Protein backbone atom coordinates (compact mmCIF):
# COMPACT_ATOMS: atom_id res chain seq x y z
CA UNK A 1 -77.77 124.63 -120.96
CA UNK A 2 -81.19 124.84 -122.60
CA UNK A 3 -81.06 124.27 -126.34
CA UNK A 4 -77.58 122.72 -126.26
CA UNK A 5 -77.37 119.32 -127.95
CA UNK A 6 -75.54 116.43 -126.34
CA UNK A 7 -72.32 115.86 -128.18
CA UNK A 8 -72.67 112.85 -130.47
CA UNK A 9 -76.45 112.73 -130.13
CA UNK A 10 -77.02 113.73 -133.75
CA UNK A 11 -74.50 111.31 -135.23
CA UNK A 12 -75.42 107.95 -136.66
CA UNK A 13 -73.60 104.63 -136.81
CA UNK A 14 -70.72 103.67 -134.49
CA UNK A 15 -69.73 107.28 -133.76
CA UNK A 16 -73.25 108.23 -132.73
CA UNK A 17 -73.55 105.14 -130.57
CA UNK A 18 -70.27 105.94 -128.82
CA UNK A 19 -71.32 109.52 -128.23
CA UNK A 20 -74.62 108.49 -126.71
CA UNK A 21 -72.94 105.97 -124.42
CA UNK A 22 -70.42 108.54 -123.20
CA UNK A 23 -73.21 111.03 -122.55
CA UNK A 24 -75.16 108.42 -120.58
CA UNK A 25 -72.12 107.42 -118.56
CA UNK A 26 -71.16 110.95 -117.55
CA UNK A 27 -74.73 112.00 -116.89
CA UNK A 28 -76.01 108.97 -114.98
CA UNK A 29 -72.87 107.11 -113.88
CA UNK A 30 -71.61 103.57 -114.40
CA UNK A 31 -74.83 102.03 -113.05
CA UNK A 32 -76.59 103.19 -116.23
CA UNK A 33 -74.49 100.80 -118.36
CA UNK A 34 -74.41 97.03 -118.54
CA UNK A 35 -71.10 95.28 -117.92
CA UNK A 36 -70.61 94.55 -121.61
CA UNK A 37 -71.22 98.23 -122.38
CA UNK A 38 -68.46 99.29 -119.98
CA UNK A 39 -66.20 96.80 -121.70
CA UNK A 40 -67.32 98.16 -125.06
CA UNK A 41 -66.37 101.69 -124.00
CA UNK A 42 -62.88 100.58 -122.99
CA UNK A 43 -62.42 99.02 -126.39
CA UNK A 44 -63.39 102.33 -128.06
CA UNK A 45 -59.87 103.57 -127.29
CA UNK A 46 -58.11 100.72 -129.06
CA UNK A 47 -60.47 100.02 -131.97
CA UNK A 48 -61.44 103.50 -133.20
CA UNK A 49 -63.49 102.84 -136.34
CA UNK A 50 -65.36 99.65 -135.58
CA UNK A 51 -68.45 98.64 -133.64
CA UNK A 52 -67.02 97.09 -130.47
CA UNK A 53 -70.32 95.75 -129.09
CA UNK A 54 -70.02 92.29 -130.70
CA UNK A 55 -66.47 91.92 -129.40
CA UNK A 56 -67.47 93.04 -125.90
CA UNK A 57 -70.35 90.56 -125.83
CA UNK A 58 -68.08 87.82 -127.15
CA UNK A 59 -65.59 88.47 -124.33
CA UNK A 60 -68.34 88.40 -121.73
CA UNK A 61 -69.65 85.12 -123.15
CA UNK A 62 -66.17 83.60 -123.22
CA UNK A 63 -65.11 84.57 -119.69
CA UNK A 64 -68.47 84.84 -117.95
CA UNK A 65 -68.09 88.20 -116.19
CA UNK A 66 -66.44 91.58 -116.45
CA UNK A 67 -64.12 90.68 -113.58
CA UNK A 68 -63.01 87.50 -115.35
CA UNK A 69 -62.28 89.47 -118.54
CA UNK A 70 -60.04 91.83 -116.58
CA UNK A 71 -58.28 88.88 -114.94
CA UNK A 72 -57.64 87.07 -118.22
CA UNK A 73 -54.05 86.60 -119.32
CA UNK A 74 -52.52 88.28 -122.35
CA UNK A 75 -52.36 84.90 -124.07
CA UNK A 76 -56.07 84.21 -123.46
CA UNK A 77 -57.07 87.63 -124.78
CA UNK A 78 -54.73 87.45 -127.73
CA UNK A 79 -56.13 84.06 -128.69
CA UNK A 80 -59.48 85.75 -129.32
CA UNK A 81 -57.94 88.01 -131.92
CA UNK A 82 -57.52 91.18 -129.84
CA UNK A 83 -54.70 93.48 -130.88
CA UNK A 84 -51.89 94.38 -128.48
CA UNK A 85 -53.46 97.73 -127.52
CA UNK A 86 -56.75 96.04 -126.66
CA UNK A 87 -55.00 93.39 -124.59
CA UNK A 88 -53.08 96.02 -122.62
CA UNK A 89 -56.11 98.18 -121.87
CA UNK A 90 -58.15 95.17 -120.70
CA UNK A 91 -55.35 94.07 -118.37
CA UNK A 92 -54.89 97.53 -116.90
CA UNK A 93 -57.97 97.60 -114.57
CA UNK A 94 -56.70 94.51 -112.71
CA UNK A 95 -53.28 96.15 -112.28
CA UNK A 96 -54.87 99.31 -110.89
CA UNK A 97 -57.20 97.31 -108.63
CA UNK A 98 -54.24 95.41 -107.18
CA UNK A 99 -52.37 98.64 -106.46
CA UNK A 100 -55.44 100.17 -104.80
CA UNK A 101 -55.95 97.06 -102.70
CA UNK A 102 -52.34 97.20 -101.48
CA UNK A 103 -52.72 100.88 -100.66
CA UNK A 104 -55.94 100.19 -98.75
CA UNK A 105 -54.31 97.32 -96.85
CA UNK A 106 -51.49 99.62 -95.74
CA UNK A 107 -53.93 102.37 -94.75
CA UNK A 108 -56.43 100.05 -93.09
CA UNK A 109 -54.54 96.95 -91.91
CA UNK A 110 -56.53 93.99 -90.74
CA UNK A 111 -56.06 93.21 -87.04
CA UNK A 112 -58.03 90.01 -86.78
CA UNK A 113 -55.52 87.88 -84.88
CA UNK A 114 -52.62 88.19 -82.45
CA UNK A 115 -49.96 87.97 -85.15
CA UNK A 116 -51.50 90.78 -87.20
CA UNK A 117 -51.91 92.93 -84.10
CA UNK A 118 -48.33 92.29 -82.95
CA UNK A 119 -47.00 93.29 -86.37
CA UNK A 120 -48.98 96.52 -86.29
CA UNK A 121 -47.90 97.36 -82.75
CA UNK A 122 -44.24 96.74 -83.59
CA UNK A 123 -44.52 99.32 -86.36
CA UNK A 124 -46.43 102.07 -84.57
CA UNK A 125 -45.69 101.83 -80.85
CA UNK A 126 -41.95 102.56 -80.98
CA UNK A 127 -42.54 106.29 -80.86
CA UNK A 128 -45.80 106.16 -78.90
CA UNK A 129 -46.15 108.36 -75.82
CA UNK A 130 -45.63 106.21 -72.69
CA UNK A 131 -48.61 105.66 -70.39
CA UNK A 132 -51.04 107.17 -72.89
CA UNK A 133 -53.94 104.89 -73.70
CA UNK A 134 -54.82 104.47 -77.37
CA UNK A 135 -57.88 102.87 -78.88
CA UNK A 136 -57.95 101.10 -82.23
CA UNK A 137 -61.41 101.34 -83.82
CA UNK A 138 -62.23 98.40 -86.12
CA UNK A 139 -64.91 97.62 -88.70
CA UNK A 140 -66.83 94.35 -88.99
CA UNK A 141 -63.87 92.72 -90.77
CA UNK A 142 -61.41 93.85 -88.09
CA UNK A 143 -59.85 96.45 -90.38
CA UNK A 144 -58.44 99.52 -88.71
CA UNK A 145 -60.63 102.62 -89.02
CA UNK A 146 -58.75 104.87 -86.62
CA UNK A 147 -55.97 104.77 -84.02
CA UNK A 148 -56.60 107.55 -81.51
CA UNK A 149 -55.64 108.53 -77.95
CA UNK A 150 -58.12 108.39 -75.09
CA UNK A 151 -57.13 110.78 -72.32
CA UNK A 152 -60.00 110.20 -69.88
CA UNK A 153 -60.19 106.64 -68.56
CA UNK A 154 -63.29 107.42 -66.49
CA UNK A 155 -65.68 108.35 -69.30
CA UNK A 156 -66.67 105.97 -72.09
CA UNK A 157 -69.22 108.25 -73.76
CA UNK A 158 -66.71 109.99 -76.11
CA UNK A 159 -65.44 106.56 -77.19
CA UNK A 160 -68.87 105.38 -78.24
CA UNK A 161 -69.71 108.66 -79.97
CA UNK A 162 -66.53 108.31 -81.98
CA UNK A 163 -67.25 104.65 -82.72
CA UNK A 164 -70.69 105.52 -84.08
CA UNK A 165 -69.21 108.30 -86.24
CA UNK A 166 -66.68 105.85 -87.69
CA UNK A 167 -69.23 103.00 -87.94
CA UNK A 168 -66.86 100.92 -85.83
CA UNK A 169 -68.06 97.70 -84.23
CA UNK A 170 -64.98 96.62 -82.30
CA UNK A 171 -62.04 98.01 -80.32
CA UNK A 172 -58.55 97.11 -79.24
CA UNK A 173 -56.94 99.15 -76.48
CA UNK A 174 -53.19 99.69 -76.35
CA UNK A 175 -50.90 101.33 -73.83
CA UNK A 176 -47.14 101.62 -73.85
CA UNK A 177 -45.57 101.59 -70.40
CA UNK A 178 -42.06 102.07 -69.09
CA UNK A 179 -42.76 100.81 -65.58
CA UNK A 180 -44.60 97.65 -64.50
CA UNK A 181 -48.32 98.13 -63.90
CA UNK A 182 -50.23 96.66 -60.97
CA UNK A 183 -52.88 95.46 -63.37
CA UNK A 184 -55.53 94.17 -60.94
CA UNK A 185 -56.11 97.68 -59.57
CA UNK A 186 -54.89 99.87 -62.41
CA UNK A 187 -57.21 102.45 -64.05
CA UNK A 188 -56.41 100.68 -67.32
CA UNK A 189 -57.98 97.43 -66.17
CA UNK A 190 -61.02 99.18 -64.68
CA UNK A 191 -61.58 101.09 -67.93
CA UNK A 192 -61.23 97.87 -69.93
CA UNK A 193 -63.89 96.20 -67.78
CA UNK A 194 -66.29 99.09 -68.19
CA UNK A 195 -65.66 99.44 -71.91
CA UNK A 196 -66.18 95.71 -72.43
CA UNK A 197 -69.49 95.68 -70.54
CA UNK A 198 -70.90 98.78 -72.23
CA UNK A 199 -69.74 97.68 -75.69
CA UNK A 200 -71.81 94.53 -75.46
CA UNK A 201 -74.94 96.59 -74.78
CA UNK A 202 -74.34 98.46 -78.06
CA UNK A 203 -73.61 95.31 -80.12
CA UNK A 204 -69.91 96.21 -80.15
CA UNK A 205 -66.99 94.28 -78.73
CA UNK A 206 -63.72 95.05 -76.99
CA UNK A 207 -61.39 92.41 -78.40
CA UNK A 208 -58.48 93.12 -76.07
CA UNK A 209 -56.41 95.66 -74.19
CA UNK A 210 -52.70 95.23 -74.73
CA UNK A 211 -49.82 96.59 -72.66
CA UNK A 212 -46.64 97.19 -74.62
CA UNK A 213 -43.20 97.62 -73.07
CA UNK A 214 -39.74 97.78 -74.56
CA UNK A 215 -38.27 94.73 -72.87
CA UNK A 216 -41.24 92.36 -72.78
CA UNK A 217 -43.64 90.87 -75.32
CA UNK A 218 -47.05 92.57 -75.56
CA UNK A 219 -49.28 91.61 -72.64
CA UNK A 220 -52.95 90.80 -73.29
CA UNK A 221 -55.34 91.69 -70.47
CA UNK A 222 -57.95 89.39 -71.98
CA UNK A 223 -55.57 86.44 -71.97
CA UNK A 224 -54.79 87.24 -68.34
CA UNK A 225 -58.51 87.13 -67.57
CA UNK A 226 -58.49 90.71 -66.30
CA UNK A 227 -61.72 91.74 -68.01
């Protein structure tokens, strides 16, 4: 609002400095602060009446990067004279990052090899609808972006529109079947061939199409040379 002062802007010393940094952070985002300044702001909460800039710079000099500071052990941090509260708050970002990484790995598993794919299929295909083709959309690191049914095996256009929306660059097709398929002439094989050919023209790739049944191991159409 016009005429309203930024909180802390009129203060001097450490309190004024902290107020100005907070205002900058919330107005312009983390990119407006150097790594040591972000570290300095974390230390505000554990060292309330002291200028934390020298300590933040000392930590950056000692460990070389903000990431290395967050990965330091309690013993390493304590050896630099940090109190217990400071040690705990500096170790907390790494704990949170690990939890987020695990959550992301569960939500977006990597399907870069046969073992990873087999593990995923064992988890999700038990209750899959038989004879319904599904397509796994993958990013450039073979992480799952979406697992969705494809009802029309004569039209690839919806697949590529969806791939572009997801920014996918690769696919794996999956179908659960209760009865043996005559793969050489099945619509599944013909769709796999077409999808593979058209993917290449769009700088995408169909890694495989896999047939899953209850009594047999997953069958790879690519390994069978069927597309």
